[in-house]
Amino acid sequence: MTTNVRETQDLELALLRRGVDERVAESERCGRCRRTPLVGESIYFYEGGTMLCELCRERERQPPLSKGLKHGPAFGHTIRIADRRAA
């Protein structure tokens, strides 16, 4: 079975674009500047579910309802070592 090199490249490109689009859709973005906060950056939540990054928070007059921390993709999926030795 022979495949056209151009068809293979088109398929690879389509799969790559689909993966990037899915990843971007899942990411949290600032409600004002649309920037994706960096891992470890503080994020702030306001009424209506709006999330603002650290940079845009200073322009907001209202105080945030809550504050959070931007976690990396491995958050919650890493191994936690529990020390179960007798104290």
PDB file of N, CA and C in Angstrom:
ATOM      1  N   MET A   1       0.845  -1.181   0.000  1.00  0.00           N
ATOM      2  CA  MET A   1       0.000   0.000   0.000  1.00  0.00           C
ATOM      3  C   MET A   1       0.890   1.244   0.000  1.00  0.00           C
ATOM      4  N   THR A   2       0.722   2.071  -0.959  1.00  0.00           N
ATOM      5  CA  THR A   2       1.516   3.287  -1.045  1.00  0.00           C
ATOM      6  C   THR A   2       0.660   4.475  -0.634  1.00  0.00           C
ATOM      7  N   THR A   3       1.289   5.388   0.062  1.00  0.00           N
ATOM      8  CA  THR A   3       0.586   6.608   0.467  1.00  0.00           C
ATOM      9  C   THR A   3       1.309   7.797  -0.128  1.00  0.00           C
ATOM     10  N   ASN A   4       0.545   8.754  -0.443  1.00  0.00           N
ATOM     11  CA  ASN A   4       1.090   9.985  -0.986  1.00  0.00           C
ATOM     12  C   ASN A   4       1.731  10.768   0.160  1.00  0.00           C
ATOM     13  N   VAL A   5       2.947  11.220  -0.024  1.00  0.00           N
ATOM     14  CA  VAL A   5       3.668  11.966   1.008  1.00  0.00           C
ATOM     15  C   VAL A   5       2.909  13.239   1.359  1.00  0.00           C
ATOM     16  N   ARG A   6       2.346  13.873   0.373  1.00  0.00           N
ATOM     17  CA  ARG A   6       1.588  15.120   0.601  1.00  0.00           C
ATOM     18  C   ARG A   6       0.355  14.858   1.467  1.00  0.00           C
ATOM     19  N   GLU A   7      -0.333  13.744   1.222  1.00  0.00           N
ATOM     20  CA  GLU A   7      -1.513  13.390   2.025  1.00  0.00           C
ATOM     21  C   GLU A   7      -1.117  13.125   3.471  1.00  0.00           C
ATOM     22  N   THR A   8       0.013  12.466   3.683  1.00  0.00           N
ATOM     23  CA  THR A   8       0.494  12.194   5.036  1.00  0.00           C
ATOM     24  C   THR A   8       0.835  13.496   5.750  1.00  0.00           C
ATOM     25  N   GLN A   9       1.488  14.406   5.069  1.00  0.00           N
ATOM     26  CA  GLN A   9       1.833  15.690   5.676  1.00  0.00           C
ATOM     27  C   GLN A   9       0.574  16.492   6.006  1.00  0.00           C
ATOM     28  N   ASP A  10      -0.417  16.463   5.129  1.00  0.00           N
ATOM     29  CA  ASP A  10      -1.675  17.168   5.387  1.00  0.00           C
ATOM     30  C   ASP A  10      -2.382  16.588   6.600  1.00  0.00           C
ATOM     31  N   LEU A  11      -2.367  15.259   6.722  1.00  0.00           N
ATOM     32  CA  LEU A  11      -3.002  14.607   7.878  1.00  0.00           C
ATOM     33  C   LEU A  11      -2.275  14.979   9.163  1.00  0.00           C
ATOM     34  N   GLU A  12      -0.953  14.938   9.146  1.00  0.00           N
ATOM     35  CA  GLU A  12      -0.178  15.312  10.334  1.00  0.00           C
ATOM     36  C   GLU A  12      -0.452  16.752  10.743  1.00  0.00           C
ATOM     37  N   LEU A  13      -0.513  17.640   9.779  1.00  0.00           N
ATOM     38  CA  LEU A  13      -0.786  19.051  10.060  1.00  0.00           C
ATOM     39  C   LEU A  13      -2.191  19.240  10.632  1.00  0.00           C
ATOM     40  N   ALA A  14      -3.167  18.536  10.086  1.00  0.00           N
ATOM     41  CA  ALA A  14      -4.543  18.631  10.582  1.00  0.00           C
ATOM     42  C   ALA A  14      -4.639  18.116  12.015  1.00  0.00           C
ATOM     43  N   LEU A  15      -3.972  17.014  12.323  1.00  0.00           N
ATOM     44  CA  LEU A  15      -3.985  16.470  13.683  1.00  0.00           C
ATOM     45  C   LEU A  15      -3.284  17.409  14.659  1.00  0.00           C
ATOM     46  N   LEU A  16      -2.185  18.012  14.229  1.00  0.00           N
ATOM     47  CA  LEU A  16      -1.477  18.964  15.083  1.00  0.00           C
ATOM     48  C   LEU A  16      -2.353  20.177  15.378  1.00  0.00           C
ATOM     49  N   ARG A  17      -2.990  20.729  14.361  1.00  0.00           N
ATOM     50  CA  ARG A  17      -3.869  21.889  14.570  1.00  0.00           C
ATOM     51  C   ARG A  17      -5.029  21.554  15.492  1.00  0.00           C
ATOM     52  N   ARG A  18      -5.613  20.376  15.318  1.00  0.00           N
ATOM     53  CA  ARG A  18      -6.727  19.968  16.175  1.00  0.00           C
ATOM     54  C   ARG A  18      -6.280  19.851  17.628  1.00  0.00           C
ATOM     55  N   GLY A  19      -5.106  19.277  17.851  1.00  0.00           N
ATOM     56  CA  GLY A  19      -4.583  19.144  19.205  1.00  0.00           C
ATOM     57  C   GLY A  19      -4.311  20.489  19.851  1.00  0.00           C
ATOM     58  N   VAL A  20      -3.738  21.410  19.098  1.00  0.00           N
ATOM     59  CA  VAL A  20      -3.455  22.748  19.625  1.00  0.00           C
ATOM     60  C   VAL A  20      -4.757  23.474  19.933  1.00  0.00           C
ATOM     61  N   ASP A  21      -5.741  23.378  19.050  1.00  0.00           N
ATOM     62  CA  ASP A  21      -7.035  24.031  19.276  1.00  0.00           C
ATOM     63  C   ASP A  21      -7.716  23.487  20.526  1.00  0.00           C
ATOM     64  N   GLU A  22      -7.654  22.175  20.740  1.00  0.00           N
ATOM     65  CA  GLU A  22      -8.262  21.575  21.930  1.00  0.00           C
ATOM     66  C   GLU A  22      -7.551  22.041  23.191  1.00  0.00           C
ATOM     67  N   ARG A  23      -6.248  22.123  23.138  1.00  0.00           N
ATOM     68  CA  ARG A  23      -5.486  22.544  24.309  1.00  0.00           C
ATOM     69  C   ARG A  23      -5.759  24.006  24.650  1.00  0.00           C
ATOM     70  N   VAL A  24      -5.850  24.851  23.649  1.00  0.00           N
ATOM     71  CA  VAL A  24      -6.129  26.271  23.872  1.00  0.00           C
ATOM     72  C   VAL A  24      -7.528  26.448  24.452  1.00  0.00           C
ATOM     73  N   ALA A  25      -8.482  25.661  23.997  1.00  0.00           N
ATOM     74  CA  ALA A  25      -9.853  25.772  24.485  1.00  0.00           C
ATOM     75  C   ALA A  25      -9.949  25.400  25.963  1.00  0.00           C
ATOM     76  N   GLU A  26      -9.081  24.497  26.428  1.00  0.00           N
ATOM     77  CA  GLU A  26      -9.108  24.062  27.820  1.00  0.00           C
ATOM     78  C   GLU A  26      -8.419  25.035  28.767  1.00  0.00           C
ATOM     79  N   SER A  27      -7.537  25.871  28.260  1.00  0.00           N
ATOM     80  CA  SER A  27      -6.732  26.722  29.128  1.00  0.00           C
ATOM     81  C   SER A  27      -7.540  27.896  29.677  1.00  0.00           C
ATOM     82  N   GLU A  28      -7.144  28.304  30.875  1.00  0.00           N
ATOM     83  CA  GLU A  28      -7.767  29.473  31.482  1.00  0.00           C
ATOM     84  C   GLU A  28      -7.107  30.712  30.900  1.00  0.00           C
ATOM     85  N   ARG A  29      -7.920  31.681  30.535  1.00  0.00           N
ATOM     86  CA  ARG A  29      -7.396  32.934  29.983  1.00  0.00           C
ATOM     87  C   ARG A  29      -7.952  34.104  30.785  1.00  0.00           C
ATOM     88  N   CYS A  30      -7.177  35.159  30.827  1.00  0.00           N
ATOM     89  CA  CYS A  30      -7.592  36.372  31.515  1.00  0.00           C
ATOM     90  C   CYS A  30      -8.806  36.962  30.804  1.00  0.00           C
ATOM     91  N   GLY A  31      -9.777  37.421  31.571  1.00  0.00           N
ATOM     92  CA  GLY A  31     -10.981  37.990  31.008  1.00  0.00           C
ATOM     93  C   GLY A  31     -10.778  39.345  30.354  1.00  0.00           C
ATOM     94  N   ARG A  32      -9.666  39.993  30.636  1.00  0.00           N
ATOM     95  CA  ARG A  32      -9.420  41.315  30.067  1.00  0.00           C
ATOM     96  C   ARG A  32      -8.413  41.269  28.920  1.00  0.00           C
ATOM     97  N   CYS A  33      -7.239  40.709  29.143  1.00  0.00           N
ATOM     98  CA  CYS A  33      -6.187  40.741  28.118  1.00  0.00           C
ATOM     99  C   CYS A  33      -6.088  39.445  27.311  1.00  0.00           C
ATOM    100  N   ARG A  34      -6.834  38.407  27.704  1.00  0.00           N
ATOM    101  CA  ARG A  34      -6.868  37.099  27.031  1.00  0.00           C
ATOM    102  C   ARG A  34      -5.533  36.361  27.107  1.00  0.00           C
ATOM    103  N   ARG A  35      -4.658  36.776  28.002  1.00  0.00           N
ATOM    104  CA  ARG A  35      -3.367  36.122  28.192  1.00  0.00           C
ATOM    105  C   ARG A  35      -3.547  34.881  29.058  1.00  0.00           C
ATOM    106  N   THR A  36      -2.792  33.832  28.785  1.00  0.00           N
ATOM    107  CA  THR A  36      -2.805  32.643  29.628  1.00  0.00           C
ATOM    108  C   THR A  36      -1.817  32.864  30.766  1.00  0.00           C
ATOM    109  N   PRO A  37      -2.274  32.827  32.021  1.00  0.00           N
ATOM    110  CA  PRO A  37      -1.358  33.046  33.147  1.00  0.00           C
ATOM    111  C   PRO A  37      -0.276  31.969  33.203  1.00  0.00           C
ATOM    112  N   LEU A  38       0.878  32.339  33.694  1.00  0.00           N
ATOM    113  CA  LEU A  38       1.995  31.421  33.834  1.00  0.00           C
ATOM    114  C   LEU A  38       1.787  30.516  35.042  1.00  0.00           C
ATOM    115  N   VAL A  39       2.401  29.346  35.029  1.00  0.00           N
ATOM    116  CA  VAL A  39       2.333  28.434  36.164  1.00  0.00           C
ATOM    117  C   VAL A  39       2.942  29.127  37.372  1.00  0.00           C
ATOM    118  N   GLY A  40       2.216  29.112  38.489  1.00  0.00           N
ATOM    119  CA  GLY A  40       2.664  29.765  39.712  1.00  0.00           C
ATOM    120  C   GLY A  40       2.178  31.191  39.863  1.00  0.00           C
ATOM    121  N   GLU A  41       1.529  31.727  38.847  1.00  0.00           N
ATOM    122  CA  GLU A  41       1.020  33.103  38.900  1.00  0.00           C
ATOM    123  C   GLU A  41      -0.315  33.141  39.639  1.00  0.00           C
ATOM    124  N   SER A  42      -0.543  34.203  40.390  1.00  0.00           N
ATOM    125  CA  SER A  42      -1.817  34.382  41.075  1.00  0.00           C
ATOM    126  C   SER A  42      -2.895  34.763  40.074  1.00  0.00           C
ATOM    127  N   ILE A  43      -4.082  34.180  40.248  1.00  0.00           N
ATOM    128  CA  ILE A  43      -5.239  34.525  39.421  1.00  0.00           C
ATOM    129  C   ILE A  43      -6.374  34.926  40.348  1.00  0.00           C
ATOM    130  N   TYR A  44      -7.238  35.815  39.872  1.00  0.00           N
ATOM    131  CA  TYR A  44      -8.285  36.397  40.700  1.00  0.00           C
ATOM    132  C   TYR A  44      -9.636  36.199  40.034  1.00  0.00           C
ATOM    133  N   PHE A  45     -10.628  35.816  40.834  1.00  0.00           N
ATOM    134  CA  PHE A  45     -11.965  35.531  40.324  1.00  0.00           C
ATOM    135  C   PHE A  45     -12.935  36.610  40.800  1.00  0.00           C
ATOM    136  N   TYR A  46     -13.766  37.071  39.855  1.00  0.00           N
ATOM    137  CA  TYR A  46     -14.724  38.135  40.129  1.00  0.00           C
ATOM    138  C   TYR A  46     -16.139  37.652  39.830  1.00  0.00           C
ATOM    139  N   GLU A  47     -17.111  38.497  40.114  1.00  0.00           N
ATOM    140  CA  GLU A  47     -18.516  38.168  39.842  1.00  0.00           C
ATOM    141  C   GLU A  47     -18.706  37.789  38.385  1.00  0.00           C
ATOM    142  N   GLY A  48     -19.625  36.874  38.146  1.00  0.00           N
ATOM    143  CA  GLY A  48     -19.914  36.439  36.789  1.00  0.00           C
ATOM    144  C   GLY A  48     -18.915  35.424  36.263  1.00  0.00           C
ATOM    145  N   GLY A  49     -18.020  34.923  37.123  1.00  0.00           N
ATOM    146  CA  GLY A  49     -17.049  33.929  36.704  1.00  0.00           C
ATOM    147  C   GLY A  49     -15.850  34.480  35.967  1.00  0.00           C
ATOM    148  N   THR A  50     -15.681  35.797  35.968  1.00  0.00           N
ATOM    149  CA  THR A  50     -14.548  36.407  35.278  1.00  0.00           C
ATOM    150  C   THR A  50     -13.261  36.130  36.046  1.00  0.00           C
ATOM    151  N   MET A  51     -12.230  35.730  35.325  1.00  0.00           N
ATOM    152  CA  MET A  51     -10.925  35.513  35.921  1.00  0.00           C
ATOM    153  C   MET A  51      -9.961  36.536  35.343  1.00  0.00           C
ATOM    154  N   LEU A  52      -9.180  37.180  36.215  1.00  0.00           N
ATOM    155  CA  LEU A  52      -8.187  38.149  35.769  1.00  0.00           C
ATOM    156  C   LEU A  52      -6.797  37.710  36.215  1.00  0.00           C
ATOM    157  N   CYS A  53      -5.818  38.033  35.395  1.00  0.00           N
ATOM    158  CA  CYS A  53      -4.432  37.710  35.732  1.00  0.00           C
ATOM    159  C   CYS A  53      -3.888  38.759  36.702  1.00  0.00           C
ATOM    160  N   GLU A  54      -2.684  38.526  37.159  1.00  0.00           N
ATOM    161  CA  GLU A  54      -2.031  39.438  38.093  1.00  0.00           C
ATOM    162  C   GLU A  54      -1.861  40.834  37.500  1.00  0.00           C
ATOM    163  N   LEU A  55      -1.588  40.910  36.214  1.00  0.00           N
ATOM    164  CA  LEU A  55      -1.348  42.210  35.570  1.00  0.00           C
ATOM    165  C   LEU A  55      -2.627  43.040  35.451  1.00  0.00           C
ATOM    166  N   CYS A  56      -3.751  42.390  35.150  1.00  0.00           N
ATOM    167  CA  CYS A  56      -5.009  43.118  34.950  1.00  0.00           C
ATOM    168  C   CYS A  56      -5.765  43.374  36.249  1.00  0.00           C
ATOM    169  N   ARG A  57      -5.407  42.690  37.300  1.00  0.00           N
ATOM    170  CA  ARG A  57      -6.105  42.856  38.580  1.00  0.00           C
ATOM    171  C   ARG A  57      -5.986  44.277  39.102  1.00  0.00           C
ATOM    172  N   GLU A  58      -4.864  44.903  38.876  1.00  0.00           N
ATOM    173  CA  GLU A  58      -4.639  46.258  39.388  1.00  0.00           C
ATOM    174  C   GLU A  58      -5.574  47.285  38.763  1.00  0.00           C
ATOM    175  N   ARG A  59      -6.065  47.015  37.562  1.00  0.00           N
ATOM    176  CA  ARG A  59      -6.983  47.952  36.893  1.00  0.00           C
ATOM    177  C   ARG A  59      -8.433  47.782  37.357  1.00  0.00           C
ATOM    178  N   GLU A  60      -8.728  46.696  38.019  1.00  0.00           N
ATOM    179  CA  GLU A  60     -10.099  46.412  38.462  1.00  0.00           C
ATOM    180  C   GLU A  60     -10.381  47.158  39.763  1.00  0.00           C
ATOM    181  N   ARG A  61     -11.511  47.852  39.814  1.00  0.00           N
ATOM    182  CA  ARG A  61     -11.870  48.626  41.006  1.00  0.00           C
ATOM    183  C   ARG A  61     -12.450  47.753  42.109  1.00  0.00           C
ATOM    184  N   GLN A  62     -13.198  46.726  41.721  1.00  0.00           N
ATOM    185  CA  GLN A  62     -13.844  45.842  42.694  1.00  0.00           C
ATOM    186  C   GLN A  62     -12.827  44.854  43.271  1.00  0.00           C
ATOM    187  N   PRO A  63     -12.976  44.498  44.548  1.00  0.00           N
ATOM    188  CA  PRO A  63     -12.093  43.463  45.104  1.00  0.00           C
ATOM    189  C   PRO A  63     -12.502  42.088  44.563  1.00  0.00           C
ATOM    190  N   PRO A  64     -11.553  41.168  44.414  1.00  0.00           N
ATOM    191  CA  PRO A  64     -11.899  39.846  43.895  1.00  0.00           C
ATOM    192  C   PRO A  64     -12.698  39.034  44.914  1.00  0.00           C
ATOM    193  N   LEU A  65     -13.538  38.117  44.412  1.00  0.00           N
ATOM    194  CA  LEU A  65     -14.273  37.209  45.287  1.00  0.00           C
ATOM    195  C   LEU A  65     -13.338  36.162  45.876  1.00  0.00           C
ATOM    196  N   SER A  66     -12.382  35.712  45.081  1.00  0.00           N
ATOM    197  CA  SER A  66     -11.407  34.743  45.568  1.00  0.00           C
ATOM    198  C   SER A  66     -10.123  34.861  44.763  1.00  0.00           C
ATOM    199  N   LYS A  67      -9.082  34.261  45.325  1.00  0.00           N
ATOM    200  CA  LYS A  67      -7.762  34.289  44.704  1.00  0.00           C
ATOM    201  C   LYS A  67      -7.303  32.847  44.548  1.00  0.00           C
ATOM    202  N   GLY A  68      -6.612  32.555  43.462  1.00  0.00           N
ATOM    203  CA  GLY A  68      -6.104  31.210  43.239  1.00  0.00           C
ATOM    204  C   GLY A  68      -4.691  31.251  42.714  1.00  0.00           C
ATOM    205  N   LEU A  69      -4.167  30.068  42.441  1.00  0.00           N
ATOM    206  CA  LEU A  69      -2.829  29.927  41.914  1.00  0.00           C
ATOM    207  C   LEU A  69      -2.911  29.080  40.658  1.00  0.00           C
ATOM    208  N   LYS A  70      -2.275  29.512  39.603  1.00  0.00           N
ATOM    209  CA  LYS A  70      -2.276  28.765  38.349  1.00  0.00           C
ATOM    210  C   LYS A  70      -1.374  27.551  38.515  1.00  0.00           C
ATOM    211  N   HIS A  71      -1.953  26.367  38.353  1.00  0.00           N
ATOM    212  CA  HIS A  71      -1.209  25.122  38.498  1.00  0.00           C
ATOM    213  C   HIS A  71      -0.758  24.613  37.142  1.00  0.00           C
ATOM    214  N   GLY A  72       0.273  23.805  37.156  1.00  0.00           N
ATOM    215  CA  GLY A  72       0.785  23.190  35.934  1.00  0.00           C
ATOM    216  C   GLY A  72      -0.067  22.002  35.520  1.00  0.00           C
ATOM    217  N   PRO A  73       0.193  21.450  34.347  1.00  0.00           N
ATOM    218  CA  PRO A  73      -0.611  20.343  33.844  1.00  0.00           C
ATOM    219  C   PRO A  73      -0.488  19.066  34.664  1.00  0.00           C
ATOM    220  N   ALA A  74       0.574  18.913  35.443  1.00  0.00           N
ATOM    221  CA  ALA A  74       0.758  17.702  36.235  1.00  0.00           C
ATOM    222  C   ALA A  74       0.086  17.798  37.609  1.00  0.00           C
ATOM    223  N   PHE A  75      -0.524  18.933  37.927  1.00  0.00           N
ATOM    224  CA  PHE A  75      -1.133  19.112  39.247  1.00  0.00           C
ATOM    225  C   PHE A  75      -2.241  18.083  39.454  1.00  0.00           C
ATOM    226  N   GLY A  76      -2.137  17.347  40.534  1.00  0.00           N
ATOM    227  CA  GLY A  76      -3.128  16.330  40.855  1.00  0.00           C
ATOM    228  C   GLY A  76      -2.841  14.974  40.232  1.00  0.00           C
ATOM    229  N   HIS A  77      -1.828  14.897  39.387  1.00  0.00           N
ATOM    230  CA  HIS A  77      -1.500  13.634  38.728  1.00  0.00           C
ATOM    231  C   HIS A  77      -0.113  13.129  39.098  1.00  0.00           C
ATOM    232  N   THR A  78       0.529  13.759  40.061  1.00  0.00           N
ATOM    233  CA  THR A  78       1.872  13.350  40.452  1.00  0.00           C
ATOM    234  C   THR A  78       1.802  12.417  41.646  1.00  0.00           C
ATOM    235  N   ILE A  79       2.889  11.769  41.932  1.00  0.00           N
ATOM    236  CA  ILE A  79       2.943  10.821  43.047  1.00  0.00           C
ATOM    237  C   ILE A  79       3.183  11.591  44.337  1.00  0.00           C
ATOM    238  N   ARG A  80       2.395  11.269  45.336  1.00  0.00           N
ATOM    239  CA  ARG A  80       2.572  11.889  46.644  1.00  0.00           C
ATOM    240  C   ARG A  80       3.129  10.829  47.579  1.00  0.00           C
ATOM    241  N   ILE A  81       4.259  11.118  48.207  1.00  0.00           N
ATOM    242  CA  ILE A  81       4.868  10.178  49.138  1.00  0.00           C
ATOM    243  C   ILE A  81       4.304  10.482  50.526  1.00  0.00           C
ATOM    244  N   ALA A  82       3.696   9.470  51.106  1.00  0.00           N
ATOM    245  CA  ALA A  82       3.117   9.621  52.443  1.00  0.00           C
ATOM    246  C   ALA A  82       4.021   8.897  53.435  1.00  0.00           C
ATOM    247  N   ASP A  83       4.514   9.617  54.412  1.00  0.00           N
ATOM    248  CA  ASP A  83       5.368   9.026  55.442  1.00  0.00           C
ATOM    249  C   ASP A  83       4.465   8.356  56.470  1.00  0.00           C
ATOM    250  N   ARG A  84       4.464   7.025  56.501  1.00  0.00           N
ATOM    251  CA  ARG A  84       3.593   6.282  57.406  1.00  0.00           C
ATOM    252  C   ARG A  84       4.374   5.618  58.536  1.00  0.00           C
ATOM    253  N   ARG A  85       5.561   6.114  58.796  1.00  0.00           N
ATOM    254  CA  ARG A  85       6.342   5.573  59.911  1.00  0.00           C
ATOM    255  C   ARG A  85       5.743   6.066  61.219  1.00  0.00           C
ATOM    256  N   ALA A  86       5.903   5.255  62.234  1.00  0.00           N
ATOM    257  CA  ALA A  86       5.412   5.654  63.568  1.00  0.00           C
ATOM    258  C   ALA A  86       6.217   6.850  64.059  1.00  0.00           C
ATOM    259  N   ALA A  87       5.513   7.817  64.612  1.00  0.00           N
ATOM    260  CA  ALA A  87       6.175   9.043  65.066  1.00  0.00           C
ATOM    261  C   ALA A  87       6.793   8.871  66.418  1.00  0.00           C
TER     262      ALA A  87
END
